[in-house]
Protein backbone atom coordinates (compact mmCIF):
# COMPACT_ATOMS: atom_id res chain seq x y z
CA MET A 1 99.68 12.56 133.99
CA ARG A 2 99.84 8.64 133.51
CA ALA A 3 101.85 6.67 135.89
CA ASP A 4 103.89 5.63 133.36
CA THR A 5 104.97 8.99 132.56
CA GLU A 6 106.10 9.76 135.97
CA LYS A 7 108.87 7.01 136.02
CA ILE A 8 112.54 8.14 135.29
CA LEU A 9 115.51 5.60 135.03
CA VAL A 10 119.02 6.78 136.56
CA LEU A 11 121.84 5.03 134.86
CA HIS A 12 125.30 5.27 136.64
CA GLY A 13 128.04 3.91 134.77
CA PRO A 14 131.63 2.44 135.44
CA ASN A 15 133.37 3.18 138.57
CA LEU A 16 130.62 5.18 140.12
CA ASN A 17 130.48 2.68 142.74
CA PHE A 18 133.66 3.72 143.85
CA LEU A 19 132.67 7.61 144.42
CA GLY A 20 133.67 8.94 147.46
CA LYS A 21 136.75 6.84 147.46
CA ARG A 22 138.09 7.34 143.93
CA GLU A 23 139.87 10.54 143.11
CA PRO A 24 138.03 12.49 145.65
CA ASP A 25 140.11 15.83 144.45
CA ILE A 26 137.94 15.51 141.25
CA TYR A 27 134.76 13.77 142.21
CA GLY A 28 134.38 14.69 145.84
CA ALA A 29 133.58 12.90 149.05
CA THR A 30 130.03 12.20 148.08
CA THR A 31 129.06 8.56 147.56
CA LEU A 32 126.89 7.18 145.06
CA GLU A 33 124.56 5.87 147.83
CA ASP A 34 124.35 9.73 149.18
CA ILE A 35 123.40 10.62 145.39
CA ASN A 36 120.81 8.17 145.02
CA THR A 37 119.18 9.32 148.26
CA MET A 38 119.22 12.58 147.49
CA LEU A 39 117.73 11.70 143.99
CA GLN A 40 114.80 9.79 145.73
CA GLU A 41 114.03 12.42 148.08
CA ARG A 42 113.81 14.92 145.35
CA ALA A 43 111.86 12.87 142.99
CA GLU A 44 109.37 12.22 145.91
CA GLY A 45 108.85 15.94 146.17
CA LEU A 46 108.33 16.08 142.46
CA GLY A 47 105.89 12.86 142.26
CA LEU A 48 108.28 11.08 140.13
CA GLU A 49 108.96 7.25 140.67
CA LEU A 50 113.11 6.44 139.88
CA THR A 51 114.68 3.16 139.24
CA VAL A 52 118.29 3.49 139.56
CA ILE A 53 121.16 1.15 138.31
CA GLN A 54 124.84 1.13 138.39
CA THR A 55 126.80 -1.17 136.05
CA ASN A 56 130.59 -1.55 135.18
CA HIS A 57 129.46 -3.34 132.10
CA GLU A 58 128.55 -1.84 128.90
CA GLY A 59 126.06 -4.86 127.93
CA VAL A 60 124.18 -4.28 131.18
CA MET A 61 123.38 -0.66 130.32
CA ILE A 62 122.41 -1.25 126.97
CA ASP A 63 120.00 -3.77 128.23
CA ALA A 64 118.46 -1.23 130.66
CA ILE A 65 118.43 1.46 127.97
CA GLN A 66 116.34 -0.95 125.36
CA GLN A 67 114.25 -2.01 128.40
CA ALA A 68 113.19 1.39 129.07
CA GLN A 69 111.17 1.88 126.09
CA GLY A 70 107.45 1.99 126.86
CA GLN A 71 108.45 1.76 130.76
CA TYR A 72 110.01 5.17 131.40
CA ALA A 73 109.60 8.60 130.61
CA CYS A 74 112.95 9.82 130.69
CA ILE A 75 116.44 8.52 131.33
CA ILE A 76 119.32 10.29 133.13
CA ILE A 77 122.57 8.72 132.29
CA ASN A 78 125.88 9.15 133.70
CA PRO A 79 127.75 6.93 131.18
CA ALA A 80 131.27 7.88 132.53
CA ALA A 81 133.95 6.22 130.71
CA PHE A 82 131.26 5.14 127.90
CA THR A 83 130.75 8.43 127.24
CA HIS A 84 133.87 8.91 125.11
CA TYR A 85 133.78 5.74 123.18
CA SER A 86 130.76 3.58 123.53
CA ILE A 87 129.04 3.52 120.09
CA ALA A 88 126.89 0.71 121.34
CA VAL A 89 125.36 2.78 124.49
CA ARG A 90 124.99 6.01 121.81
CA ASP A 91 123.07 3.60 119.41
CA ALA A 92 120.72 2.18 122.04
CA LEU A 93 119.84 5.67 123.46
CA ALA A 94 119.24 6.68 119.72
CA ALA A 95 117.01 3.40 119.12
CA VAL A 96 114.53 4.14 121.99
CA SER A 97 111.91 6.89 122.06
CA VAL A 98 112.76 7.93 125.70
CA PRO A 99 114.59 11.25 126.22
CA ALA A 100 117.93 11.06 127.75
CA ILE A 101 119.76 13.66 129.83
CA GLU A 102 123.34 13.28 130.00
CA VAL A 103 125.33 13.93 133.53
CA HIS A 104 128.60 14.28 134.54
CA LEU A 105 130.01 15.06 138.03
CA SER A 106 133.25 17.24 136.71
CA ASN A 107 133.43 19.29 134.07
CA ILE A 108 134.58 17.03 131.05
CA TYR A 109 135.63 19.95 129.01
CA ARG A 110 138.21 21.05 131.87
CA ARG A 111 139.70 17.65 132.05
CA GLU A 112 141.94 15.58 129.71
CA GLU A 113 141.50 16.04 126.09
CA PHE A 114 140.46 12.52 125.43
CA ARG A 115 137.26 13.53 128.08
CA HIS A 116 136.30 16.45 125.66
CA HIS A 117 134.27 14.37 123.25
CA SER A 118 130.86 12.71 123.94
CA VAL A 119 129.38 10.48 121.53
CA VAL A 120 126.09 10.62 123.86
CA SER A 121 125.69 14.31 123.60
CA PRO A 122 124.52 14.50 120.04
CA ILE A 123 121.41 12.25 120.73
CA ALA A 124 120.76 13.59 124.49
CA VAL A 125 118.33 16.22 125.32
CA GLY A 126 120.78 17.90 127.13
CA GLN A 127 124.14 17.65 129.03
CA ILE A 128 124.64 18.68 132.75
CA ALA A 129 128.29 18.54 133.94
CA GLY A 130 130.40 19.95 136.50
CA PHE A 131 128.23 20.48 139.41
CA GLY A 132 129.23 17.49 141.30
CA ALA A 133 126.38 15.36 142.89
CA ASN A 134 123.91 18.52 142.04
CA SER A 135 124.61 17.73 138.35
CA TYR A 136 122.13 14.69 139.05
CA LEU A 137 119.42 17.05 141.03
CA LEU A 138 119.73 19.32 138.20
CA ALA A 139 119.16 16.70 135.52
CA LEU A 140 116.15 15.22 137.88
CA GLU A 141 114.87 19.13 137.64
CA ALA A 142 115.30 18.94 133.90
CA ALA A 143 113.32 15.63 133.63
CA ALA A 144 110.65 16.89 135.71
CA GLY A 145 110.23 19.84 133.66
CA LEU A 146 110.14 17.82 130.25
CA LEU A 147 107.55 15.77 132.00
CA GLY A 148 105.58 18.79 133.43
CA ALA A 149 105.99 17.50 136.82
CA ASP A 150 107.45 20.74 138.05
CA LYS A 151 104.11 22.12 137.73
CA GLN A 152 102.73 20.04 141.01
């Protein structure tokens, strides 16, 4: 496998930097740092290299998606609130030829009605939601499967 096919971009959207403090009854006590550590450890075991970005800014997320073209083999993205309304994030994902896996800590379909719609899902390879921090690990396993890295 070529080195450039082993790189995964993980994008965390707005307010995820407050994990562990923000609504723990919904999002749990696990911090974003905890999630990133778990992802890095599992990625090493799969022979994958991760770049992790958290942003509260739509333009930063769009720039990161656009810059992924030719540099990353897969994007794992938790668009957070951008999930429900950001056509710009959706269009950026559609514009690059990098498969994207959409992740959510909570089950967005068991929450408020406005969270039930994702503008990202129709262009994502798949969506994993409702498993807390494990949603990210499941997405990493799915990415490894897409890349054939799970055969190591």
